[in-house]
Amino acid sequence: MQAGMNTRLLVSVATYNECENIARLIEEIHAFAPQADVLVVDDNSPDGTGKLVDELSAKDSRIRALHRSGKLGLGTAIVAAMKYAMSNNYDLLLNMDADFSHPARYIPALLAGMSRQDVMIGSRYVAGGGTENWPVIREKISRAVNGLVRFFFRMGVRDASGAYRCYRVSKLRQVRFDLIVSRGYSFQQEMLFRCKLAGCTLGETPIIFENRRAGKSKVNGKEAARSMATILYLGVRSMLGIERRASRRTGGVS
């Protein structure tokens, strides 16, 4: 299913202190996908991001805010958006970062890929993709992590750690959310793995990942180490077939 006039598309953005970015980002999203509803999942940002989104929502019915009680993490924010998309019967869910590192100009390519795949990834590491103004050490770490993920999980994709993705909502209903253990940076890799276990086909389209335009990065060394440990844990379980067997048992969205 490619996004057309009758396709219900939800674009989700998780925010924490993104007041400088969010209004302009929503404008850019609607420039490339005017039919999309935009859901901002805000973790009670002290800078007033949530309040600003409420004000924007009052003027534009395509904008929705989901307010959470505190800083609960990117992984749980994306899961909240997925459950919102399922509960409200959207066809496609496209997730992107709030800091302009995921340029909205790639939305049409991601949507076009949904005519062939169940999950489309905005990929830095396929031909035509890359990074711009990103610290060299962070790119090296990212490439190393993705190499590790390819070894352990065998999903056939080059960029399993980026959050710029489009999901077929009907396939998300088959994902074992109750088995997810990641809450930090490893969430992206695990979510893709859970989609693969649910029978999703995965595709990639090239993007140029840009370093954030405004605001402060949320990267945390301690959380990065914890996430690496989670990837190793899940990777070993994957190679032993434990996760595949667990995914076949009775369970579902929780």
Protein backbone atom coordinates (compact mmCIF):
# COMPACT_ATOMS: atom_id res chain seq x y z
CA MET A 1 0.00 0.00 0.00
CA GLN A 2 1.53 3.27 -1.13
CA ALA A 3 0.24 6.42 0.55
CA GLY A 4 -2.51 7.88 -1.58
CA MET A 5 -5.46 10.15 -1.04
CA ASN A 6 -7.38 7.43 0.83
CA THR A 7 -4.46 6.19 2.92
CA ARG A 8 -4.57 7.31 6.54
CA LEU A 9 -1.06 8.46 7.43
CA LEU A 10 0.16 9.37 10.91
CA VAL A 11 3.57 11.00 11.38
CA SER A 12 4.86 10.67 14.95
CA VAL A 13 7.49 12.84 16.62
CA ALA A 14 8.74 12.30 20.17
CA THR A 15 9.77 15.48 21.96
CA TYR A 16 11.59 16.62 25.06
CA ASN A 17 12.60 20.28 25.03
CA GLU A 18 12.14 20.79 21.27
CA CYS A 19 10.28 24.11 21.41
CA GLU A 20 12.80 25.67 19.01
CA ASN A 21 12.15 23.04 16.37
CA ILE A 22 8.66 21.60 16.53
CA ALA A 23 6.56 24.28 14.77
CA ARG A 24 8.95 24.51 11.81
CA LEU A 25 9.21 20.73 11.62
CA ILE A 26 5.44 20.29 11.42
CA GLU A 27 5.35 22.88 8.63
CA GLU A 28 7.98 20.92 6.70
CA ILE A 29 6.15 17.62 7.25
CA HIS A 30 2.96 19.09 5.82
CA ALA A 31 4.87 20.57 2.89
CA PHE A 32 5.77 17.02 1.78
CA ALA A 33 2.76 15.14 3.17
CA PRO A 34 -0.20 17.54 3.44
CA GLN A 35 -2.58 14.64 4.09
CA ALA A 36 -0.72 13.48 7.21
CA ASP A 37 -1.85 13.82 10.77
CA VAL A 38 1.07 14.69 13.03
CA LEU A 39 1.20 13.23 16.54
CA VAL A 40 3.66 14.86 18.94
CA VAL A 41 4.43 12.63 21.93
CA ASP A 42 5.78 15.06 24.53
CA ASP A 43 7.42 14.00 27.79
CA ASN A 44 6.32 17.04 29.82
CA SER A 45 9.02 19.27 28.33
CA PRO A 46 10.06 22.05 30.73
CA ASP A 47 10.58 24.41 27.79
CA GLY A 48 6.87 24.39 26.91
CA THR A 49 6.99 22.17 23.82
CA GLY A 50 3.73 20.45 24.80
CA LYS A 51 1.93 23.75 25.35
CA LEU A 52 3.08 25.03 21.97
CA VAL A 53 1.80 21.87 20.25
CA ASP A 54 -1.58 22.34 21.97
CA GLU A 55 -1.72 25.86 20.55
CA LEU A 56 -0.85 24.60 17.06
CA SER A 57 -3.45 21.82 17.38
CA ALA A 58 -6.17 24.35 18.18
CA LYS A 59 -5.51 25.97 14.78
CA ASP A 60 -4.93 22.83 12.69
CA SER A 61 -6.94 19.61 13.08
CA ARG A 62 -4.09 17.60 11.54
CA ILE A 63 -1.94 18.20 14.63
CA ARG A 64 -2.39 16.12 17.80
CA ALA A 65 -0.53 16.09 21.12
CA LEU A 66 -0.01 13.14 23.43
CA HIS A 67 1.17 14.39 26.81
CA ARG A 68 3.14 12.10 29.11
CA SER A 69 3.96 12.66 32.76
CA GLY A 70 7.74 12.91 32.44
CA LYS A 71 10.85 11.88 30.56
CA LEU A 72 9.98 8.23 29.88
CA GLY A 73 12.34 7.58 26.98
CA LEU A 74 12.28 7.47 23.19
CA GLY A 75 11.41 3.79 22.95
CA THR A 76 8.26 4.05 25.03
CA ALA A 77 7.28 7.23 23.13
CA ILE A 78 7.45 5.38 19.81
CA VAL A 79 5.45 2.47 21.25
CA ALA A 80 2.85 4.98 22.46
CA ALA A 81 2.61 6.38 18.92
CA MET A 82 2.28 2.88 17.49
CA LYS A 83 -0.56 2.05 19.87
CA TYR A 84 -2.23 5.36 19.00
CA ALA A 85 -1.97 4.51 15.29
CA MET A 86 -3.49 1.08 15.89
CA SER A 87 -6.27 2.38 18.14
CA ASN A 88 -7.22 5.06 15.62
CA ASN A 89 -7.08 2.80 12.56
CA TYR A 90 -4.32 4.50 10.60
CA ASP A 91 -2.87 2.65 7.61
CA LEU A 92 0.71 3.88 7.92
CA LEU A 93 2.83 5.27 10.75
CA LEU A 94 5.91 7.28 9.86
CA ASN A 95 8.25 8.12 12.74
CA MET A 96 10.95 10.78 12.67
CA ASP A 97 13.14 12.76 15.06
CA ALA A 98 12.18 16.25 16.17
CA ASP A 99 15.58 17.89 15.63
CA PHE A 100 15.66 18.03 11.78
CA SER A 101 18.23 15.22 11.61
CA HIS A 102 15.58 13.45 9.52
CA PRO A 103 14.79 15.87 6.66
CA ALA A 104 11.11 15.85 5.69
CA ARG A 105 12.02 15.84 1.99
CA TYR A 106 12.54 12.07 2.22
CA ILE A 107 8.95 11.37 3.32
CA PRO A 108 7.72 10.74 -0.27
CA ALA A 109 10.46 8.12 -0.86
CA LEU A 110 9.60 6.32 2.38
CA LEU A 111 5.91 6.30 1.46
CA ALA A 112 6.64 5.11 -2.08
CA GLY A 113 8.53 2.14 -0.65
CA MET A 114 5.44 1.05 1.28
CA SER A 115 3.95 -0.28 -1.97
CA ARG A 116 6.53 -3.10 -1.69
CA GLN A 117 7.47 -3.39 1.99
CA ASP A 118 5.92 -3.48 5.46
CA VAL A 119 8.66 -1.32 7.01
CA MET A 120 10.71 1.29 5.17
CA ILE A 121 13.89 2.64 6.73
CA GLY A 122 15.47 6.00 6.00
CA SER A 123 18.99 4.64 5.67
CA ARG A 124 22.33 6.36 6.07
CA TYR A 125 24.30 3.31 5.00
CA VAL A 126 22.96 2.33 1.58
CA ALA A 127 24.13 3.79 -1.73
CA GLY A 128 23.15 7.46 -1.86
CA GLY A 129 22.85 7.78 1.92
CA GLY A 130 25.20 9.46 4.35
CA THR A 131 25.62 11.94 7.18
CA GLU A 132 26.20 15.68 7.35
CA ASN A 133 27.93 17.62 10.14
CA TRP A 134 27.84 14.55 12.38
CA PRO A 135 30.78 13.92 14.76
CA VAL A 136 33.12 11.31 13.26
CA ILE A 137 33.23 9.28 16.48
CA ARG A 138 29.44 8.98 16.57
CA GLU A 139 29.32 7.77 12.98
CA LYS A 140 32.03 5.18 13.67
CA ILE A 141 30.12 3.92 16.72
CA SER A 142 26.89 3.80 14.70
CA ARG A 143 28.51 1.81 11.89
CA ALA A 144 30.08 -0.60 14.39
CA VAL A 145 26.75 -1.17 16.15
CA ASN A 146 25.03 -1.81 12.83
CA GLY A 147 27.71 -4.31 11.89
CA LEU A 148 27.09 -6.12 15.16
CA VAL A 149 23.32 -6.10 14.54
CA ARG A 150 23.80 -7.57 11.04
CA PHE A 151 25.91 -10.37 12.52
CA PHE A 152 23.47 -11.26 15.29
CA PHE A 153 20.03 -10.61 13.80
CA ARG A 154 20.46 -11.27 10.06
CA MET A 155 17.69 -8.86 9.04
CA GLY A 156 19.26 -7.92 5.71
CA VAL A 157 19.36 -4.14 6.33
CA ARG A 158 22.31 -1.76 6.58
CA ASP A 159 20.82 0.79 8.98
CA ALA A 160 18.95 -0.81 11.88
CA SER A 161 19.57 1.99 14.39
CA GLY A 162 17.88 4.97 12.76
CA ALA A 163 14.42 6.11 13.87
CA TYR A 164 13.31 7.47 10.48
CA ARG A 165 10.91 4.72 9.45
CA CYS A 166 7.49 4.02 8.05
CA TYR A 167 5.46 1.05 9.37
CA ARG A 168 2.38 -0.70 8.02
CA VAL A 169 -0.03 -0.47 10.95
CA SER A 170 -1.81 -3.74 10.14
CA LYS A 171 1.53 -5.55 10.57
CA LEU A 172 2.26 -3.74 13.82
CA ARG A 173 -0.80 -5.53 15.22
CA GLN A 174 1.17 -8.78 14.89
CA VAL A 175 4.27 -7.52 16.73
CA ARG A 176 4.95 -8.90 20.20
CA PHE A 177 5.16 -5.62 22.10
CA ASP A 178 4.91 -7.56 25.35
CA LEU A 179 8.36 -9.07 24.70
CA ILE A 180 10.20 -5.77 24.15
CA VAL A 181 12.95 -5.22 26.73
CA SER A 182 14.66 -2.09 25.33
CA ARG A 183 13.87 1.38 26.62
CA GLY A 184 16.88 3.33 25.34
CA TYR A 185 18.99 3.47 22.18
CA SER A 186 18.71 -0.28 21.54
CA PHE A 187 14.97 0.12 21.01
CA GLN A 188 15.36 0.86 17.29
CA GLN A 189 17.24 -2.37 16.63
CA GLU A 190 14.92 -4.44 18.78
CA MET A 191 11.77 -2.95 17.23
CA LEU A 192 13.01 -3.83 13.76
CA PHE A 193 13.83 -7.35 14.95
CA ARG A 194 10.34 -7.74 16.47
CA CYS A 195 8.83 -6.59 13.15
CA LYS A 196 10.93 -9.15 11.28
CA LEU A 197 9.80 -11.90 13.66
CA ALA A 198 6.19 -10.81 12.99
CA GLY A 199 6.71 -11.46 9.28
CA CYS A 200 7.34 -7.90 8.11
CA THR A 201 9.33 -7.28 4.95
CA LEU A 202 11.99 -4.60 5.40
CA GLY A 203 13.26 -2.07 2.88
CA GLU A 204 15.63 0.91 2.86
CA THR A 205 15.78 4.19 0.99
CA PRO A 206 18.79 6.52 1.19
CA ILE A 207 18.77 9.65 3.33
CA ILE A 208 21.35 12.22 4.35
CA PHE A 209 21.24 12.36 8.13
CA GLU A 210 21.83 15.93 9.32
CA ASN A 211 23.08 16.92 12.75
CA ARG A 212 20.44 18.76 14.78
CA ARG A 213 19.80 22.41 13.84
CA ALA A 214 18.86 23.66 17.31
CA GLY A 215 18.59 22.44 20.89
CA LYS A 216 20.74 19.99 22.80
CA SER A 217 21.51 16.37 21.95
CA LYS A 218 20.00 13.74 24.29
CA VAL A 219 22.91 11.28 23.84
CA ASN A 220 23.92 9.73 27.15
CA GLY A 221 27.03 7.54 27.59
CA LYS A 222 25.57 5.43 30.37
CA GLU A 223 22.44 4.68 28.38
CA ALA A 224 24.53 3.88 25.30
CA ALA A 225 26.45 1.24 27.28
CA ARG A 226 23.21 -0.22 28.64
CA SER A 227 21.78 -0.40 25.15
CA MET A 228 24.85 -2.18 23.82
CA ALA A 229 24.45 -4.78 26.55
CA THR A 230 20.80 -5.22 25.53
CA ILE A 231 21.77 -5.75 21.88
CA LEU A 232 24.29 -8.42 22.90
CA TYR A 233 21.71 -10.11 25.12
CA LEU A 234 19.04 -10.16 22.40
CA GLY A 235 21.59 -11.08 19.74
CA VAL A 236 22.68 -14.22 21.56
CA ARG A 237 19.04 -15.17 22.18
CA SER A 238 18.33 -14.60 18.48
CA MET A 239 21.18 -16.82 17.33
CA LEU A 240 20.02 -19.56 19.70
CA GLY A 241 16.46 -19.30 18.36
CA ILE A 242 15.05 -18.34 21.77
CA GLU A 243 13.38 -15.13 20.60
CA ARG A 244 11.80 -16.77 17.57
CA ARG A 245 10.28 -19.49 19.75
CA ALA A 246 9.08 -16.92 22.30
CA SER A 247 7.41 -14.86 19.56
CA ARG A 248 5.30 -17.87 18.55
CA ARG A 249 3.75 -18.26 21.97
CA THR A 250 0.43 -16.63 22.86
CA GLY A 251 0.78 -12.90 23.48
CA GLY A 252 0.12 -9.51 21.95
CA VAL A 253 0.03 -5.77 22.42
CA SER A 254 0.16 -4.68 26.05
